[in-house]
Amino acid sequence: MHDSHSLLGGLFGDPVVDALFTDAARVQAMLDVEAALARAQVRCGVIPAAALAPIEAACQAGHYPLDALGQATALAGNPAIPLVKALTAQVRQHDPDAARWVHWGATSQDIIDSGAILQLRDALTRVEERLQVLCAALAGLADAERGTGLPGRTLLQQAVPVTFGLKAAGWLDALQRSQRRLQALRSDTLVLQFGGAAGTLASLQSRGLDVALALGDALDLPVPSLPWHTARDRIAELGSAFALLTGTLGKIATDIVLLMQSEVAEAFEPTGEGKGGSSAMPHKRNPVGCVAAIAAATRVPGLLSTLFAAMPQPHERAAGQWHAEWETVPEIVRLCAGSLAQVSVVVQGLQLDRPRMQAHLDSHGGLLYAEAVAVTLAGTLGKAAAHALVEEAARRALAESRHLRDVLQQMPEVAAQLPPAQLQALFAADSWRGMADTWIDRVLARG
């Protein structure tokens, strides 16, 4: 996987999260579990106290050449096997007696899974922090732009007036749901894995639960009811939470990209030297952050499908399905974090062309207000008759290139129900905002 300094790392990643998933970080996380295991077993009287210091001292990734570990992993089938061998040899150099107690009672999957959980917990913290900043920015945007009207668009066609504040509140509402999903991961998903060879911890006899609880305490991880070696719903749930956030970020980015179209030009990503240009066309102002977020939202569903495909794992140890998670889960989290970083920059520097939005509300001969007229007429004419009447007026306005209001004024059926002043008022954007302010307030109240 590329790191934060690679050619594409700055576009698709977050340097802090990327650093959490390097090979060195993966090895250190596994060693952190080994050190915590030794502390827990000393605490429970399972291994001698004298073994602790030599084991802890050896649990530093810098002692172990990554290239050699990688070559050994290709032969062993997982990275914990050669790492435990190397760790044992490192301890033996300083204390042969302590080397006997390295990795006592554990299995490779305990070390790999619990190490991965430590990495994911740190990544979750970073994502939650950045997500809170983005939510705060959107809350400010929703409140500040609650009176900024623009066309609502359905099937990419102008529909009825909305407000930009409502659009921002919709983005925020979805992100708030992601916040709650991510927070829930800490209690039931990011949990300890410790079951020994096949989940019984028989190697520790009656002390198995004591050691598991002490290990969970040492790593500050919840201890589940029992080991979960081949019960991978937690991993699928974790991937889903990050995938849903990535999809929401992609939706926000898609809206902004469409608003940046030359023919629309209502909102823009922040610009800067070297940002959003073209190698051929000097006039271009291309979306950059939004494109990266959309790319992430395009890639993540395929990765997530791997986690679901890997769930039916056989018996007490998987034969390939577990292994499929090792690169997939970090890639989902990294893409999510990178998308979040890009969208945060875009939203915090978003530039709006409010006069352009207003001009679009006034374009197309007032057709955006057809629903307002139809609903008002329905009170006296009935819904079906009012709809048919306004539909006919809209067709005539389009065919004759006239304003819908002018066509309606000349229709006797309309004139009999709506005085000119009332009809004129229906073509003002502020008069047809509906519950927009209420919805915004309800979303902001959840922040």
Protein backbone atom coordinates (compact mmCIF):
# COMPACT_ATOMS: atom_id res chain seq x y z
CA MET A 1 0.00 0.00 0.00
CA HIS A 2 1.22 3.48 -0.76
CA ASP A 3 2.19 5.74 2.11
CA SER A 4 1.30 9.38 2.62
CA HIS A 5 4.36 10.52 0.64
CA SER A 6 3.70 8.45 -2.47
CA LEU A 7 2.50 9.74 -5.80
CA LEU A 8 -1.19 9.16 -5.06
CA GLY A 9 -1.14 9.21 -1.25
CA GLY A 10 -1.86 12.92 -0.99
CA LEU A 11 -4.87 12.63 -3.28
CA PHE A 12 -6.54 9.56 -1.84
CA GLY A 13 -5.23 9.34 1.72
CA ASP A 14 -4.86 11.06 5.05
CA PRO A 15 -1.22 11.15 6.22
CA VAL A 16 -2.11 10.39 9.84
CA VAL A 17 -4.31 7.41 9.01
CA ASP A 18 -1.95 6.17 6.30
CA ALA A 19 0.84 6.07 8.88
CA LEU A 20 -1.27 3.83 11.10
CA PHE A 21 -1.36 1.12 8.44
CA THR A 22 2.23 0.89 7.28
CA ASP A 23 4.06 -2.42 7.65
CA ALA A 24 6.00 -0.99 10.57
CA ALA A 25 2.77 0.08 12.28
CA ARG A 26 1.23 -3.36 11.74
CA VAL A 27 4.27 -5.06 13.29
CA GLN A 28 4.32 -2.64 16.21
CA ALA A 29 0.63 -3.23 16.91
CA MET A 30 1.22 -6.98 17.07
CA LEU A 31 4.19 -6.45 19.37
CA ASP A 32 2.07 -4.20 21.57
CA VAL A 33 -0.30 -7.14 21.99
CA GLU A 34 2.58 -9.47 22.84
CA ALA A 35 3.89 -7.05 25.47
CA ALA A 36 0.42 -6.58 26.94
CA LEU A 37 -0.04 -10.36 27.01
CA ALA A 38 3.13 -10.74 29.06
CA ARG A 39 1.98 -8.01 31.47
CA ALA A 40 -1.43 -9.65 31.85
CA GLN A 41 0.08 -13.06 32.52
CA VAL A 42 2.51 -11.71 35.09
CA ARG A 43 -0.41 -9.98 36.77
CA CYS A 44 -2.31 -13.29 36.85
CA GLY A 45 0.70 -15.28 38.04
CA VAL A 46 0.82 -17.37 34.87
CA ILE A 47 4.40 -16.47 33.90
CA PRO A 48 7.25 -15.32 36.18
CA ALA A 49 7.58 -11.59 36.80
CA ALA A 50 11.24 -11.74 35.78
CA ALA A 51 10.20 -12.51 32.21
CA LEU A 52 8.30 -9.26 31.73
CA ALA A 53 11.08 -6.72 31.28
CA PRO A 54 13.00 -8.73 28.65
CA ILE A 55 9.82 -9.37 26.67
CA GLU A 56 8.69 -5.74 26.82
CA ALA A 57 12.13 -4.51 25.79
CA ALA A 58 12.05 -6.74 22.72
CA CYS A 59 8.59 -5.56 21.63
CA GLN A 60 9.88 -2.73 19.45
CA ALA A 61 9.36 -2.96 15.70
CA GLY A 62 12.75 -1.46 15.01
CA HIS A 63 14.41 -4.69 16.11
CA TYR A 64 12.92 -6.63 13.20
CA PRO A 65 13.82 -6.07 9.52
CA LEU A 66 10.56 -5.74 7.60
CA ASP A 67 11.96 -7.26 4.43
CA ALA A 68 12.97 -10.42 6.28
CA LEU A 69 9.58 -10.62 7.99
CA GLY A 70 7.86 -10.20 4.65
CA GLN A 71 9.84 -13.03 3.07
CA ALA A 72 9.13 -15.27 6.05
CA THR A 73 5.43 -14.38 5.96
CA ALA A 74 5.22 -15.63 2.38
CA LEU A 75 6.40 -19.02 3.62
CA ALA A 76 4.57 -19.13 6.95
CA GLY A 77 1.18 -17.90 5.71
CA ASN A 78 0.75 -15.11 8.24
CA PRO A 79 3.05 -12.44 9.71
CA ALA A 80 2.62 -13.46 13.34
CA ILE A 81 4.46 -16.76 12.96
CA PRO A 82 7.82 -15.30 11.87
CA LEU A 83 7.36 -12.33 14.17
CA VAL A 84 6.92 -14.56 17.23
CA LYS A 85 10.00 -16.54 16.21
CA ALA A 86 12.01 -13.36 15.82
CA LEU A 87 10.65 -11.96 19.09
CA THR A 88 11.56 -15.14 20.92
CA ALA A 89 15.08 -15.04 19.49
CA GLN A 90 15.44 -11.38 20.47
CA VAL A 91 14.38 -12.11 24.05
CA ARG A 92 16.65 -15.15 24.20
CA GLN A 93 19.68 -13.00 23.46
CA HIS A 94 19.19 -11.18 26.75
CA ASP A 95 17.36 -13.70 28.90
CA PRO A 96 17.02 -17.35 27.79
CA ASP A 97 14.60 -18.12 30.62
CA ALA A 98 12.26 -15.26 29.64
CA ALA A 99 12.18 -16.49 26.04
CA ARG A 100 10.24 -19.55 27.23
CA TRP A 101 7.26 -17.34 28.06
CA VAL A 102 6.92 -15.37 24.84
CA HIS A 103 3.44 -15.71 23.24
CA TRP A 104 2.36 -18.04 26.05
CA GLY A 105 -1.06 -19.57 25.41
CA ALA A 106 -1.83 -17.40 22.40
CA THR A 107 -2.29 -18.19 18.71
CA SER A 108 -1.28 -16.21 15.65
CA GLN A 109 -4.80 -14.98 15.00
CA ASP A 110 -5.05 -13.55 18.51
CA ILE A 111 -2.02 -11.39 17.85
CA ILE A 112 -2.98 -10.39 14.31
CA ASP A 113 -6.61 -9.59 15.07
CA SER A 114 -5.99 -7.76 18.34
CA GLY A 115 -3.16 -5.82 16.74
CA ALA A 116 -5.43 -4.84 13.88
CA ILE A 117 -8.08 -3.72 16.37
CA LEU A 118 -5.52 -1.40 17.99
CA GLN A 119 -4.71 0.11 14.60
CA LEU A 120 -8.38 0.50 13.75
CA ARG A 121 -9.13 2.14 17.08
CA ASP A 122 -6.47 4.78 16.46
CA ALA A 123 -7.78 5.33 12.94
CA LEU A 124 -11.32 5.66 14.28
CA THR A 125 -10.20 8.37 16.67
CA ARG A 126 -8.66 10.35 13.83
CA VAL A 127 -11.72 9.94 11.61
CA GLU A 128 -14.09 10.96 14.40
CA GLU A 129 -12.06 14.09 15.08
CA ARG A 130 -12.05 15.15 11.44
CA LEU A 131 -15.69 14.25 11.04
CA GLN A 132 -16.59 16.51 13.96
CA VAL A 133 -14.80 19.41 12.25
CA LEU A 134 -16.67 18.77 9.01
CA CYS A 135 -19.99 18.57 10.83
CA ALA A 136 -19.30 21.87 12.56
CA ALA A 137 -18.53 23.49 9.21
CA LEU A 138 -21.75 22.14 7.70
CA ALA A 139 -23.77 23.28 10.69
CA GLY A 140 -22.47 26.79 10.17
CA LEU A 141 -23.21 26.60 6.45
CA ALA A 142 -26.74 25.29 7.00
CA ASP A 143 -27.54 28.09 9.41
CA ALA A 144 -25.89 30.88 7.42
CA GLU A 145 -27.44 29.87 4.10
CA ARG A 146 -30.95 29.03 5.29
CA GLY A 147 -32.29 31.98 3.29
CA THR A 148 -30.25 31.33 0.14
CA GLY A 149 -32.62 29.99 -2.49
CA LEU A 150 -31.68 27.85 -5.48
CA PRO A 151 -33.46 25.37 -7.70
CA GLY A 152 -34.05 21.94 -6.25
CA ARG A 153 -33.22 19.34 -8.87
CA THR A 154 -34.83 15.96 -9.40
CA LEU A 155 -33.57 13.60 -12.13
CA LEU A 156 -31.03 16.40 -12.80
CA GLN A 157 -33.85 18.74 -13.89
CA GLN A 158 -34.99 21.89 -12.11
CA ALA A 159 -37.92 20.99 -9.87
CA VAL A 160 -38.99 23.42 -7.14
CA PRO A 161 -37.15 26.03 -5.05
CA VAL A 162 -35.08 24.85 -2.08
CA THR A 163 -32.48 26.57 0.05
CA PHE A 164 -28.77 25.93 0.18
CA GLY A 165 -29.07 25.78 3.95
CA LEU A 166 -31.44 22.83 3.60
CA LYS A 167 -29.04 21.10 1.21
CA ALA A 168 -26.19 21.52 3.70
CA ALA A 169 -28.42 20.31 6.52
CA GLY A 170 -29.18 17.18 4.51
CA TRP A 171 -25.47 16.48 4.19
CA LEU A 172 -25.00 17.11 7.89
CA ASP A 173 -27.88 14.86 8.89
CA ALA A 174 -26.32 11.91 7.06
CA LEU A 175 -22.91 12.59 8.59
CA GLN A 176 -24.44 12.71 12.06
CA ARG A 177 -25.75 9.20 11.49
CA SER A 178 -22.24 8.12 10.57
CA GLN A 179 -20.96 9.68 13.76
CA ARG A 180 -23.34 7.53 15.78
CA ARG A 181 -22.40 4.39 13.84
CA LEU A 182 -18.70 4.98 14.36
CA GLN A 183 -19.13 5.64 18.06
CA ALA A 184 -21.02 2.37 18.45
CA LEU A 185 -18.02 0.45 17.08
CA ARG A 186 -16.02 1.07 20.24
CA SER A 187 -18.16 -1.04 22.54
CA ASP A 188 -19.08 -4.11 20.53
CA THR A 189 -16.84 -4.22 17.46
CA LEU A 190 -13.38 -3.01 18.48
CA VAL A 191 -12.90 -5.79 21.02
CA LEU A 192 -10.16 -8.12 22.16
CA GLN A 193 -9.37 -11.32 20.28
CA PHE A 194 -7.87 -13.96 22.56
CA GLY A 195 -8.81 -17.60 22.26
CA GLY A 196 -5.70 -19.66 21.81
CA ALA A 197 -5.41 -22.45 19.29
CA ALA A 198 -9.11 -23.10 18.73
CA GLY A 199 -10.96 -20.74 21.03
CA THR A 200 -10.87 -22.74 24.26
CA LEU A 201 -7.73 -21.23 25.82
CA ALA A 202 -7.11 -24.73 27.12
CA SER A 203 -3.39 -23.99 27.23
CA LEU A 204 -4.05 -21.66 30.15
CA GLN A 205 -6.41 -24.14 31.82
CA SER A 206 -8.51 -22.45 34.51
CA ARG A 207 -6.72 -19.10 34.14
CA GLY A 208 -7.88 -18.41 30.61
CA LEU A 209 -10.64 -15.94 31.46
CA ASP A 210 -8.46 -14.21 34.06
CA VAL A 211 -5.73 -13.65 31.49
CA ALA A 212 -8.24 -12.50 28.86
CA LEU A 213 -9.71 -9.94 31.23
CA ALA A 214 -6.25 -8.74 32.27
CA LEU A 215 -5.18 -8.51 28.64
CA GLY A 216 -8.28 -6.52 27.75
CA ASP A 217 -7.50 -4.19 30.63
CA ALA A 218 -3.88 -3.82 29.51
CA LEU A 219 -4.94 -2.92 25.96
CA ASP A 220 -8.03 -0.96 27.06
CA LEU A 221 -10.20 -3.18 24.87
CA PRO A 222 -13.59 -4.67 25.79
CA VAL A 223 -13.50 -8.45 26.28
CA PRO A 224 -16.27 -10.19 24.33
CA SER A 225 -18.27 -13.11 25.63
CA LEU A 226 -16.00 -15.53 23.81
CA PRO A 227 -13.31 -15.50 21.09
CA TRP A 228 -14.48 -14.64 17.58
CA HIS A 229 -11.86 -16.24 15.35
CA THR A 230 -14.29 -17.18 12.57
CA ALA A 231 -17.30 -15.05 13.54
CA ARG A 232 -16.52 -12.03 11.36
CA ASP A 233 -19.70 -10.00 11.61
CA ARG A 234 -17.75 -7.44 13.65
CA ILE A 235 -15.33 -6.88 10.79
CA ALA A 236 -18.13 -6.64 8.26
CA GLU A 237 -19.92 -4.16 10.52
CA LEU A 238 -16.80 -2.06 10.91
CA GLY A 239 -16.20 -2.03 7.17
CA SER A 240 -19.85 -1.12 6.61
CA ALA A 241 -19.69 1.85 8.98
CA PHE A 242 -16.67 3.28 7.16
CA ALA A 243 -18.17 2.43 3.77
CA LEU A 244 -21.40 4.25 4.62
CA LEU A 245 -19.44 7.32 5.63
CA THR A 246 -17.43 7.12 2.41
CA GLY A 247 -20.65 6.89 0.41
CA THR A 248 -22.12 9.92 2.17
CA LEU A 249 -18.96 11.90 1.49
CA GLY A 250 -19.24 10.82 -2.14
CA LYS A 251 -22.84 12.10 -2.25
CA ILE A 252 -21.75 15.49 -0.91
CA ALA A 253 -18.94 15.60 -3.45
CA THR A 254 -21.29 14.65 -6.28
CA ASP A 255 -23.68 17.48 -5.42
CA ILE A 256 -20.83 19.99 -5.38
CA VAL A 257 -19.37 18.71 -8.66
CA LEU A 258 -22.75 19.17 -10.31
CA LEU A 259 -23.10 22.66 -8.85
CA MET A 260 -19.66 23.47 -10.30
CA GLN A 261 -20.69 22.63 -13.87
CA SER A 262 -20.13 25.58 -16.19
CA GLU A 263 -23.81 25.69 -17.08
CA VAL A 264 -24.76 25.76 -13.39
CA ALA A 265 -21.84 27.51 -11.65
CA GLU A 266 -23.60 27.98 -8.30
CA ALA A 267 -20.91 26.63 -5.97
CA PHE A 268 -17.18 25.99 -6.24
CA GLU A 269 -14.37 24.20 -4.50
CA PRO A 270 -11.75 26.54 -3.03
CA THR A 271 -9.04 27.31 -5.54
CA GLY A 272 -5.32 27.91 -5.23
CA GLU A 273 -2.03 27.81 -7.06
CA GLY A 274 -1.79 24.59 -9.03
CA LYS A 275 -5.21 23.36 -7.96
CA GLY A 276 -7.92 22.31 -10.39
CA GLY A 277 -6.20 23.34 -13.58
CA SER A 278 -5.86 21.54 -16.88
CA SER A 279 -2.72 20.55 -18.79
CA ALA A 280 -4.40 21.63 -22.03
CA MET A 281 -7.07 24.23 -21.24
CA PRO A 282 -5.95 27.32 -19.30
CA HIS A 283 -9.49 28.36 -18.46
CA LYS A 284 -10.48 25.19 -16.58
CA ARG A 285 -11.41 25.20 -12.89
CA ASN A 286 -11.81 21.52 -12.21
CA PRO A 287 -13.07 19.89 -9.01
CA VAL A 288 -10.23 18.07 -7.26
CA GLY A 289 -11.22 17.16 -3.71
CA CYS A 290 -14.69 16.12 -4.79
CA VAL A 291 -13.30 13.93 -7.55
CA ALA A 292 -11.08 12.13 -5.04
CA ALA A 293 -14.08 11.60 -2.73
CA ILE A 294 -16.19 10.23 -5.57
CA ALA A 295 -13.34 7.90 -6.55
CA ALA A 296 -13.20 6.60 -2.97
CA ALA A 297 -16.97 6.08 -2.91
CA THR A 298 -16.63 4.14 -6.16
CA ARG A 299 -13.87 1.86 -4.88
CA VAL A 300 -15.09 1.09 -1.38
CA PRO A 301 -18.24 -0.93 -2.20
CA GLY A 302 -16.15 -3.54 -4.02
CA LEU A 303 -13.81 -3.77 -1.05
CA LEU A 304 -16.73 -4.09 1.34
CA SER A 305 -18.13 -6.95 -0.69
CA THR A 306 -14.92 -8.84 0.07
CA LEU A 307 -15.63 -8.60 3.79
CA PHE A 308 -19.13 -9.96 3.34
CA ALA A 309 -17.88 -12.71 1.05
CA ALA A 310 -15.36 -13.66 3.74
CA MET A 311 -17.95 -14.10 6.49
CA PRO A 312 -18.80 -17.82 6.03
CA GLN A 313 -15.55 -19.02 7.57
CA PRO A 314 -15.19 -22.74 8.32
CA HIS A 315 -15.06 -24.19 11.81
CA GLU A 316 -12.47 -22.65 14.15
CA ARG A 317 -9.97 -21.19 11.65
CA ALA A 318 -10.50 -19.81 8.16
CA ALA A 319 -8.71 -21.11 5.09
CA GLY A 320 -8.29 -17.93 3.10
CA GLN A 321 -11.36 -15.88 4.05
CA TRP A 322 -9.69 -14.32 7.11
CA HIS A 323 -6.58 -13.61 5.07
CA ALA A 324 -8.67 -11.67 2.56
CA GLU A 325 -9.44 -9.11 5.25
CA TRP A 326 -5.85 -8.14 6.01
CA GLU A 327 -5.38 -5.59 3.24
CA THR A 328 -9.06 -4.96 2.57
CA VAL A 329 -10.04 -3.46 5.93
CA PRO A 330 -7.15 -0.97 6.08
CA GLU A 331 -7.83 0.09 2.50
CA ILE A 332 -11.48 0.84 3.28
CA VAL A 333 -10.50 2.90 6.32
CA ARG A 334 -7.72 4.72 4.46
CA LEU A 335 -9.98 5.62 1.54
CA CYS A 336 -12.63 6.84 3.96
CA ALA A 337 -10.14 8.98 5.84
CA GLY A 338 -8.74 10.41 2.62
CA SER A 339 -12.21 11.24 1.33
CA LEU A 340 -13.05 12.89 4.65
CA ALA A 341 -9.90 15.00 4.46
CA GLN A 342 -10.74 16.17 0.94
CA VAL A 343 -14.40 16.96 1.61
CA SER A 344 -13.48 18.83 4.78
CA VAL A 345 -11.22 21.15 2.80
CA VAL A 346 -13.89 21.62 0.15
CA VAL A 347 -16.71 22.43 2.57
CA GLN A 348 -14.65 24.75 4.74
CA GLY A 349 -13.61 26.74 1.67
CA LEU A 350 -16.78 26.35 -0.39
CA GLN A 351 -17.55 29.38 -2.54
CA LEU A 352 -21.18 30.17 -3.41
CA ASP A 353 -22.49 32.33 -6.24
CA ARG A 354 -25.75 33.47 -4.64
CA PRO A 355 -26.78 35.83 -7.47
CA ARG A 356 -26.37 32.93 -9.88
CA MET A 357 -28.62 30.76 -7.72
CA GLN A 358 -31.24 33.48 -7.68
CA ALA A 359 -30.97 33.92 -11.43
CA HIS A 360 -31.65 30.22 -11.89
CA LEU A 361 -34.73 30.52 -9.68
CA ASP A 362 -35.98 33.23 -12.01
CA SER A 363 -35.06 31.35 -15.19
CA HIS A 364 -37.24 29.00 -17.22
CA GLY A 365 -40.15 31.39 -17.09
CA GLY A 366 -41.20 30.70 -13.54
CA LEU A 367 -41.83 26.98 -14.08
CA LEU A 368 -40.20 26.15 -10.71
CA TYR A 369 -43.27 27.63 -9.04
CA ALA A 370 -45.80 25.50 -10.89
CA GLU A 371 -46.30 23.25 -7.89
CA ALA A 372 -46.94 26.26 -5.65
CA VAL A 373 -49.71 27.44 -7.95
CA ALA A 374 -51.21 23.97 -8.33
CA VAL A 375 -51.32 23.39 -4.57
CA THR A 376 -52.94 26.76 -3.99
CA LEU A 377 -55.57 26.18 -6.67
CA ALA A 378 -56.26 22.68 -5.38
CA GLY A 379 -57.87 24.18 -2.30
CA THR A 380 -60.81 25.29 -4.39
CA LEU A 381 -60.63 23.37 -7.66
CA GLY A 382 -59.45 19.99 -6.30
CA LYS A 383 -56.05 18.45 -6.80
CA ALA A 384 -56.64 16.74 -10.16
CA ALA A 385 -58.25 19.75 -11.81
CA ALA A 386 -55.65 22.17 -10.45
CA HIS A 387 -52.80 19.95 -11.59
CA ALA A 388 -54.23 19.61 -15.10
CA LEU A 389 -54.80 23.35 -15.34
CA VAL A 390 -51.27 24.30 -14.35
CA GLU A 391 -49.81 21.53 -16.50
CA GLU A 392 -51.58 23.00 -19.52
CA ALA A 393 -50.34 26.49 -18.61
CA ALA A 394 -46.77 25.18 -18.33
CA ARG A 395 -46.94 23.55 -21.77
CA ARG A 396 -48.26 26.79 -23.24
CA ALA A 397 -45.55 28.84 -21.51
CA LEU A 398 -42.84 26.62 -22.94
CA ALA A 399 -44.31 26.55 -26.41
CA GLU A 400 -44.78 30.33 -26.53
CA SER A 401 -41.59 31.24 -24.58
CA ARG A 402 -43.66 33.16 -22.05
CA HIS A 403 -43.52 33.42 -18.28
CA LEU A 404 -45.81 30.96 -16.55
CA ARG A 405 -47.30 33.74 -14.43
CA ASP A 406 -48.38 35.68 -17.52
CA VAL A 407 -50.02 32.62 -19.05
CA LEU A 408 -51.86 31.87 -15.80
CA GLN A 409 -53.10 35.44 -15.47
CA GLN A 410 -54.84 35.13 -18.83
CA MET A 411 -56.61 31.88 -17.96
CA PRO A 412 -60.14 32.64 -16.71
CA GLU A 413 -60.18 29.59 -14.43
CA VAL A 414 -57.11 30.90 -12.62
CA ALA A 415 -58.12 34.53 -12.56
CA ALA A 416 -61.37 33.55 -10.88
CA GLN A 417 -59.50 31.95 -8.01
CA LEU A 418 -56.29 33.99 -7.64
CA PRO A 419 -56.18 37.78 -7.66
CA PRO A 420 -53.08 39.20 -9.42
CA ALA A 421 -51.30 40.07 -6.16
CA GLN A 422 -51.78 36.58 -4.74
CA LEU A 423 -50.60 34.98 -7.96
CA GLN A 424 -47.54 37.24 -8.02
CA ALA A 425 -46.67 36.26 -4.45
CA LEU A 426 -46.58 32.58 -5.40
CA PHE A 427 -43.62 33.30 -7.70
CA ALA A 428 -41.41 34.59 -4.86
CA ALA A 429 -38.89 32.03 -3.62
CA ASP A 430 -39.23 33.08 0.01
CA SER A 431 -42.93 32.31 -0.04
CA TRP A 432 -42.37 28.66 -0.96
CA ARG A 433 -39.66 27.45 1.41
CA GLY A 434 -42.03 25.12 3.20
CA MET A 435 -40.50 23.38 6.23
CA ALA A 436 -36.91 24.11 5.22
CA ASP A 437 -36.11 26.21 8.29
CA THR A 438 -37.78 23.69 10.58
CA TRP A 439 -35.77 20.81 9.11
CA ILE A 440 -32.55 22.79 9.46
CA ASP A 441 -33.30 23.59 13.10
CA ARG A 442 -34.04 19.94 13.86
CA VAL A 443 -30.73 18.81 12.37
CA LEU A 444 -28.76 21.53 14.14
CA ALA A 445 -30.38 20.56 17.44
CA ARG A 446 -28.79 17.10 17.14
CA GLY A 447 -25.29 18.49 16.80
